[in-house]
Each structure stands twice: as structure tokens, then as C-alpha cells.
């Protein structure tokens, strides 16, 4: 119906890539769609983390916007902007990437990643911060 948006949430990596055909269909049908995709932890991007692929560039050609949330405080503003973008003008899909460390507290992410010790030096200070 008019004035409504479809929403889908998928896991990182294969979940995101498996959504490509559906997103292309939404683009061709001019259907507003908000696709929420999980992602590897921010500190692990580009370092061979499990299911870490360049998701945002993948969706740039299929979506009106492809965004990545970098901090908890940015979740709501990013989602509001994504929904508005999907519905304004010619409707279409928008992709929002949500890294695991933005969605969960540090201790949960640390346990999930298998690390129990905090690294030394600058990296350790950054992780603790």
C-alpha cells in the first residue's frame, strides 16, 4: 500500500549477498525497502573477519543509498534518513549496514569474537575506550 515501506533484516556476509536479487526486484518495481544487514565488528573490517565483505559498495548500484552505522547514537538518525530516502521521489531500496559492535555491548562482542584478553598498547587503549 502507498505510504508503507518493506523492511528486511539479514545476517552479515551470505545473508546480505542472498538478498541481492530481492533488492534488485525492489529497485525495478520502484518499491520502498529498508534492508538491514549485519556486519563484522568495526575494528575487524578488512582484516579477514568471518563474513566480512564490502557490503556497502555492493549495494551502491542497487539502492538509492547504502549506509553504514558507526556508533550507537547514529542508529536512529541513520534509519530515519534511510526510510525517508527509500520513500521520497521515486521509491526504492536502501541498505543500512549495522556492525555487530554497534548493536551489542563490548563484552558480548568480545566473547563472540573469542578474545578474552585486551590487546596491549594503542590498540588496547582504543578497545577499552
Protein backbone atom coordinates (compact mmCIF):
# COMPACT_ATOMS: atom_id res chain seq x y z
CA UNK A 1 0.00 0.00 0.00
CA UNK A 2 1.02 3.60 -0.56
CA UNK A 3 2.94 5.25 2.27
CA UNK A 4 4.35 1.96 3.55
CA UNK A 5 7.85 0.52 3.41
CA UNK A 6 9.06 -3.07 3.40
CA UNK A 7 11.72 -3.99 5.93
CA UNK A 8 14.07 -6.98 5.89
CA UNK A 9 16.89 -7.86 8.29
CA UNK A 10 19.63 -10.27 7.25
CA UNK A 11 22.85 -11.57 8.74
CA UNK A 12 26.27 -10.44 7.55
CA UNK A 13 28.04 -11.93 4.54
CA UNK A 14 25.92 -14.67 2.94
CA UNK A 15 22.68 -13.26 4.35
CA UNK A 16 23.41 -9.92 2.69
CA UNK A 17 24.54 -11.40 -0.62
CA UNK A 18 21.50 -13.68 -0.76
CA UNK A 19 19.32 -10.55 -0.60
CA UNK A 20 20.79 -9.05 -3.80
CA UNK A 21 18.12 -10.49 -6.12
CA UNK A 22 15.28 -9.31 -3.90
CA UNK A 23 16.81 -5.82 -3.66
CA UNK A 24 17.16 -5.66 -7.46
CA UNK A 25 13.49 -6.64 -7.78
CA UNK A 26 12.52 -3.86 -5.36
CA UNK A 27 14.60 -1.42 -7.39
CA UNK A 28 12.94 -2.45 -10.67
CA UNK A 29 9.46 -2.34 -9.10
CA UNK A 30 10.16 1.06 -7.51
CA UNK A 31 9.21 -0.37 -4.11
CA UNK A 32 10.41 1.31 -0.94
CA UNK A 33 12.53 -1.18 1.00
CA UNK A 34 14.77 -0.88 4.04
CA UNK A 35 17.34 -3.68 4.11
CA UNK A 36 19.19 -4.00 7.42
CA UNK A 37 22.37 -6.04 7.17
CA UNK A 38 24.64 -7.26 9.91
CA UNK A 39 28.38 -6.72 9.59
CA UNK A 40 31.67 -7.69 11.19
CA UNK A 41 32.90 -5.60 14.10
CA UNK A 42 34.25 -2.21 13.05
CA UNK A 43 37.78 -2.91 14.33
CA UNK A 44 37.89 -6.12 12.28
CA UNK A 45 36.80 -4.66 8.94
CA UNK A 46 39.21 -5.51 6.17
CA UNK A 47 41.18 -7.88 8.40
CA UNK A 48 39.71 -11.20 7.29
CA UNK A 49 36.95 -11.37 9.90
CA UNK A 50 34.26 -14.00 9.46
CA UNK A 51 31.68 -12.86 6.90
CA UNK A 52 33.48 -9.57 6.29
CA UNK A 53 32.83 -8.50 2.72
CA UNK A 54 32.47 -4.98 1.27
CA UNK A 55 28.68 -4.87 1.61
CA UNK A 56 28.08 -1.13 1.21
CA UNK A 57 29.82 -0.91 -2.19
CA UNK A 58 27.86 -3.98 -3.32
CA UNK A 59 24.55 -2.20 -2.75
CA UNK A 60 25.51 1.25 -4.05
CA UNK A 61 24.46 0.31 -7.59
CA UNK A 62 21.21 -1.33 -6.47
CA UNK A 63 19.97 1.12 -3.86
CA UNK A 64 19.09 4.78 -3.56
CA UNK A 65 21.52 4.85 -0.62
CA UNK A 66 23.88 2.38 1.06
CA UNK A 67 24.88 3.44 4.57
CA UNK A 68 26.93 2.06 7.46
CA UNK A 69 26.19 2.96 11.08
CA UNK A 70 29.39 3.72 13.00
CA UNK A 71 28.08 4.49 16.51
CA UNK A 72 25.05 3.66 18.65
CA UNK A 73 23.98 7.31 18.68
CA UNK A 74 23.76 7.21 14.87
CA UNK A 75 21.33 4.27 14.62
CA UNK A 76 18.05 6.23 14.85
CA UNK A 77 19.11 9.20 12.67
CA UNK A 78 20.50 6.83 10.03
CA UNK A 79 17.34 4.73 9.99
CA UNK A 80 15.15 7.84 9.73
CA UNK A 81 17.24 9.14 6.83
CA UNK A 82 17.17 5.71 5.15
CA UNK A 83 13.38 5.42 5.39
CA UNK A 84 12.87 8.95 4.07
CA UNK A 85 15.25 8.26 1.18
CA UNK A 86 13.52 4.99 0.30
CA UNK A 87 10.11 6.67 0.16
CA UNK A 88 10.86 10.08 -1.37
CA UNK A 89 10.78 10.78 -5.10
CA UNK A 90 10.86 7.51 -6.99
CA UNK A 91 10.61 4.88 -4.23
CA UNK A 92 13.30 2.24 -3.99
CA UNK A 93 15.53 0.17 -1.72
CA UNK A 94 18.02 1.49 0.83
CA UNK A 95 20.69 -0.62 2.56
CA UNK A 96 21.85 0.04 6.13
CA UNK A 97 24.82 -1.91 7.49
CA UNK A 98 24.89 -2.45 11.26
CA UNK A 99 28.23 -3.77 12.57
CA UNK A 100 27.97 -6.16 15.50
CA UNK A 101 29.88 -3.83 17.83
CA UNK A 102 27.29 -1.09 17.24
CA UNK A 103 24.41 -3.41 18.15
CA UNK A 104 25.84 -5.20 21.19
CA UNK A 105 27.87 -4.23 24.28
CA UNK A 106 31.64 -4.71 24.04
CA UNK A 107 31.78 -7.70 26.43
CA UNK A 108 29.26 -9.61 24.29
CA UNK A 109 31.18 -8.86 21.09
CA UNK A 110 34.50 -9.76 22.74
CA UNK A 111 33.15 -13.15 23.82
CA UNK A 112 31.66 -13.78 20.35
CA UNK A 113 34.99 -13.00 18.69
CA UNK A 114 36.83 -15.35 21.02
CA UNK A 115 39.07 -12.76 22.63
CA UNK A 116 39.34 -12.65 26.37
CA UNK A 117 42.47 -10.54 26.71
CA UNK A 118 42.60 -6.86 25.86
CA UNK A 119 45.46 -6.09 23.48
CA UNK A 120 48.40 -4.02 24.72
CA UNK A 121 49.43 -0.61 23.51
CA UNK A 122 47.39 1.85 21.49
CA UNK A 123 45.02 -0.82 20.16
CA UNK A 124 44.23 -1.97 23.70
CA UNK A 125 43.51 1.60 24.77
CA UNK A 126 41.24 2.05 21.75
CA UNK A 127 39.37 -1.19 22.52
CA UNK A 128 38.89 -0.21 26.17
CA UNK A 129 37.69 3.25 25.12
